[in-house]
Amino acid sequence: MGLVLLVGVSLSLAVEAIALAVYVTDNGSEIVLTERYRVSAPSFVDYLMNLSEMGLTASGLMAFGLALLMLTPYARVVTSLIYFAATHNLKYMVITVFVLAVLTASLLTH
């Protein structure tokens, strides 16, 4: 299950590195703080839905890398739930379902 965290963080890091390369190619080493690079949404679900609109731009890749990083713990909990269900470990299934519910509520309301 630790592999899920390793893969999620590694993928996020790789996407962020590509985004940085695209950003430097577009802007040089200057840091540009304009609305063009601002990514915001009323909720995380809206944030995910807006990723496709940003495309393969530097800000779109940065936003995608950040979304990957934010979804990594969620994927870890889902993986744990599948594992505990497969091993018929009811006690840890109940705990994991509670954690999954809290994470889901947090993602849907923020």
C-alpha atoms as a PDB file:
ATOM      1  CA  MET A   1       0.000   0.000   0.000  1.00  0.00           C
ATOM      2  CA  GLY A   2       2.994   2.261   0.450  1.00  0.00           C
ATOM      3  CA  LEU A   3       3.531   1.816  -3.273  1.00  0.00           C
ATOM      4  CA  VAL A   4       0.387   3.877  -3.927  1.00  0.00           C
ATOM      5  CA  LEU A   5       1.902   6.831  -2.067  1.00  0.00           C
ATOM      6  CA  LEU A   6       5.251   6.432  -3.807  1.00  0.00           C
ATOM      7  CA  VAL A   7       3.694   6.265  -7.263  1.00  0.00           C
ATOM      8  CA  GLY A   8       1.301   9.164  -6.589  1.00  0.00           C
ATOM      9  CA  VAL A   9       3.984  11.488  -5.270  1.00  0.00           C
ATOM     10  CA  SER A  10       6.441  10.462  -8.010  1.00  0.00           C
ATOM     11  CA  LEU A  11       3.884  11.079 -10.772  1.00  0.00           C
ATOM     12  CA  SER A  12       2.975  14.416  -9.254  1.00  0.00           C
ATOM     13  CA  LEU A  13       6.636  15.410  -9.049  1.00  0.00           C
ATOM     14  CA  ALA A  14       7.224  14.377 -12.672  1.00  0.00           C
ATOM     15  CA  VAL A  15       4.229  16.401 -13.891  1.00  0.00           C
ATOM     16  CA  GLU A  16       5.330  19.427 -11.854  1.00  0.00           C
ATOM     17  CA  ALA A  17       8.861  19.156 -13.301  1.00  0.00           C
ATOM     18  CA  ILE A  18       7.428  19.088 -16.837  1.00  0.00           C
ATOM     19  CA  ALA A  19       5.213  22.068 -15.955  1.00  0.00           C
ATOM     20  CA  LEU A  20       8.243  23.965 -14.685  1.00  0.00           C
ATOM     21  CA  ALA A  21      10.112  23.223 -17.922  1.00  0.00           C
ATOM     22  CA  VAL A  22       7.151  24.467 -19.980  1.00  0.00           C
ATOM     23  CA  TYR A  23       6.897  27.584 -17.794  1.00  0.00           C
ATOM     24  CA  VAL A  24      10.616  28.388 -18.157  1.00  0.00           C
ATOM     25  CA  THR A  25      10.397  27.806 -21.908  1.00  0.00           C
ATOM     26  CA  ASP A  26       7.479  30.244 -22.155  1.00  0.00           C
ATOM     27  CA  ASN A  27       8.664  32.917 -19.693  1.00  0.00           C
ATOM     28  CA  GLY A  28      12.365  32.420 -19.074  1.00  0.00           C
ATOM     29  CA  SER A  29      13.505  32.517 -15.491  1.00  0.00           C
ATOM     30  CA  GLU A  30      11.246  35.487 -14.673  1.00  0.00           C
ATOM     31  CA  ILE A  31       8.414  34.771 -12.242  1.00  0.00           C
ATOM     32  CA  VAL A  32       5.171  36.057 -13.720  1.00  0.00           C
ATOM     33  CA  LEU A  33       2.401  36.626 -11.189  1.00  0.00           C
ATOM     34  CA  THR A  34      -0.578  37.359 -13.411  1.00  0.00           C
ATOM     35  CA  GLU A  35      -4.139  36.093 -13.528  1.00  0.00           C
ATOM     36  CA  ARG A  36      -3.077  33.833 -16.400  1.00  0.00           C
ATOM     37  CA  TYR A  37      -1.359  31.533 -13.901  1.00  0.00           C
ATOM     38  CA  ARG A  38      -3.977  31.732 -11.176  1.00  0.00           C
ATOM     39  CA  VAL A  39      -5.922  28.522 -10.737  1.00  0.00           C
ATOM     40  CA  SER A  40      -8.929  28.574  -8.443  1.00  0.00           C
ATOM     41  CA  ALA A  41     -12.386  27.077  -8.190  1.00  0.00           C
ATOM     42  CA  PRO A  42     -15.233  27.063  -5.665  1.00  0.00           C
ATOM     43  CA  SER A  43     -14.682  23.383  -4.856  1.00  0.00           C
ATOM     44  CA  PHE A  44     -12.191  20.628  -5.565  1.00  0.00           C
ATOM     45  CA  VAL A  45     -14.640  18.937  -7.945  1.00  0.00           C
ATOM     46  CA  ASP A  46     -14.912  22.172  -9.942  1.00  0.00           C
ATOM     47  CA  TYR A  47     -11.124  22.418  -9.861  1.00  0.00           C
ATOM     48  CA  LEU A  48     -10.863  18.941 -11.405  1.00  0.00           C
ATOM     49  CA  MET A  49     -13.502  19.751 -14.018  1.00  0.00           C
ATOM     50  CA  ASN A  50     -11.580  22.882 -15.081  1.00  0.00           C
ATOM     51  CA  LEU A  51      -8.337  20.961 -15.669  1.00  0.00           C
ATOM     52  CA  SER A  52      -9.352  19.922 -19.181  1.00  0.00           C
ATOM     53  CA  GLU A  53      -9.998  23.548 -20.139  1.00  0.00           C
ATOM     54  CA  MET A  54      -6.435  24.538 -19.207  1.00  0.00           C
ATOM     55  CA  GLY A  55      -4.847  22.055 -21.589  1.00  0.00           C
ATOM     56  CA  LEU A  56      -1.131  21.382 -21.731  1.00  0.00           C
ATOM     57  CA  THR A  57      -0.101  24.876 -20.709  1.00  0.00           C
ATOM     58  CA  ALA A  58       2.272  25.467 -17.822  1.00  0.00           C
ATOM     59  CA  SER A  59      -0.578  26.424 -15.491  1.00  0.00           C
ATOM     60  CA  GLY A  60      -2.665  23.451 -16.651  1.00  0.00           C
ATOM     61  CA  LEU A  61       0.175  21.027 -15.977  1.00  0.00           C
ATOM     62  CA  MET A  62       0.888  22.636 -12.585  1.00  0.00           C
ATOM     63  CA  ALA A  63      -2.775  22.311 -11.656  1.00  0.00           C
ATOM     64  CA  PHE A  64      -2.844  18.678 -12.812  1.00  0.00           C
ATOM     65  CA  GLY A  65       0.280  17.835 -10.790  1.00  0.00           C
ATOM     66  CA  LEU A  66      -1.244  19.437  -7.725  1.00  0.00           C
ATOM     67  CA  ALA A  67      -4.500  17.519  -8.235  1.00  0.00           C
ATOM     68  CA  LEU A  68      -2.520  14.271  -8.483  1.00  0.00           C
ATOM     69  CA  LEU A  69      -0.761  15.080  -5.236  1.00  0.00           C
ATOM     70  CA  MET A  70      -4.043  15.906  -3.500  1.00  0.00           C
ATOM     71  CA  LEU A  71      -5.724  12.703  -4.723  1.00  0.00           C
ATOM     72  CA  THR A  72      -2.839  10.430  -3.679  1.00  0.00           C
ATOM     73  CA  PRO A  73      -3.994   9.982  -0.046  1.00  0.00           C
ATOM     74  CA  TYR A  74      -7.519   9.367  -1.310  1.00  0.00           C
ATOM     75  CA  ALA A  75      -6.228   6.610  -3.609  1.00  0.00           C
ATOM     76  CA  ARG A  76      -4.300   5.148  -0.684  1.00  0.00           C
ATOM     77  CA  VAL A  77      -7.453   4.919   1.440  1.00  0.00           C
ATOM     78  CA  VAL A  78      -9.426   3.334  -1.419  1.00  0.00           C
ATOM     79  CA  THR A  79      -6.627   0.800  -1.912  1.00  0.00           C
ATOM     80  CA  SER A  80      -6.633   0.045   1.817  1.00  0.00           C
ATOM     81  CA  LEU A  81     -10.383  -0.478   1.758  1.00  0.00           C
ATOM     82  CA  ILE A  82     -10.075  -2.953  -1.115  1.00  0.00           C
ATOM     83  CA  TYR A  83      -7.305  -4.800   0.726  1.00  0.00           C
ATOM     84  CA  PHE A  84      -9.236  -5.005   4.000  1.00  0.00           C
ATOM     85  CA  ALA A  85     -12.357  -6.184   2.147  1.00  0.00           C
ATOM     86  CA  ALA A  86     -10.350  -8.889   0.364  1.00  0.00           C
ATOM     87  CA  THR A  87      -8.882 -10.112   3.674  1.00  0.00           C
ATOM     88  CA  HIS A  88     -12.300  -9.907   5.414  1.00  0.00           C
ATOM     89  CA  ASN A  89     -10.920  -7.620   8.129  1.00  0.00           C
ATOM     90  CA  LEU A  90     -14.162  -6.010   9.288  1.00  0.00           C
ATOM     91  CA  LYS A  91     -12.642  -3.849  12.022  1.00  0.00           C
ATOM     92  CA  TYR A  92     -10.233  -2.074   9.664  1.00  0.00           C
ATOM     93  CA  MET A  93     -12.844  -1.925   6.905  1.00  0.00           C
ATOM     94  CA  VAL A  94     -15.124   0.096   9.180  1.00  0.00           C
ATOM     95  CA  ILE A  95     -12.299   2.434  10.182  1.00  0.00           C
ATOM     96  CA  THR A  96     -11.250   2.867   6.541  1.00  0.00           C
ATOM     97  CA  VAL A  97     -14.826   3.557   5.411  1.00  0.00           C
ATOM     98  CA  PHE A  98     -15.017   6.299   8.062  1.00  0.00           C
ATOM     99  CA  VAL A  99     -11.728   7.828   6.878  1.00  0.00           C
ATOM    100  CA  LEU A 100     -12.930   7.595   3.267  1.00  0.00           C
ATOM    101  CA  ALA A 101     -16.179   9.355   4.200  1.00  0.00           C
ATOM    102  CA  VAL A 102     -14.276  12.170   5.919  1.00  0.00           C
ATOM    103  CA  LEU A 103     -11.922  12.585   2.943  1.00  0.00           C
ATOM    104  CA  THR A 104     -14.826  12.525   0.488  1.00  0.00           C
ATOM    105  CA  ALA A 105     -16.757  15.122   2.483  1.00  0.00           C
ATOM    106  CA  SER A 106     -13.666  17.296   2.618  1.00  0.00           C
ATOM    107  CA  LEU A 107     -13.093  17.051  -1.138  1.00  0.00           C
ATOM    108  CA  LEU A 108     -16.715  17.806  -1.934  1.00  0.00           C
ATOM    109  CA  THR A 109     -17.040  20.796   0.382  1.00  0.00           C
ATOM    110  CA  HIS A 110     -13.720  22.572  -0.173  1.00  0.00           C
END
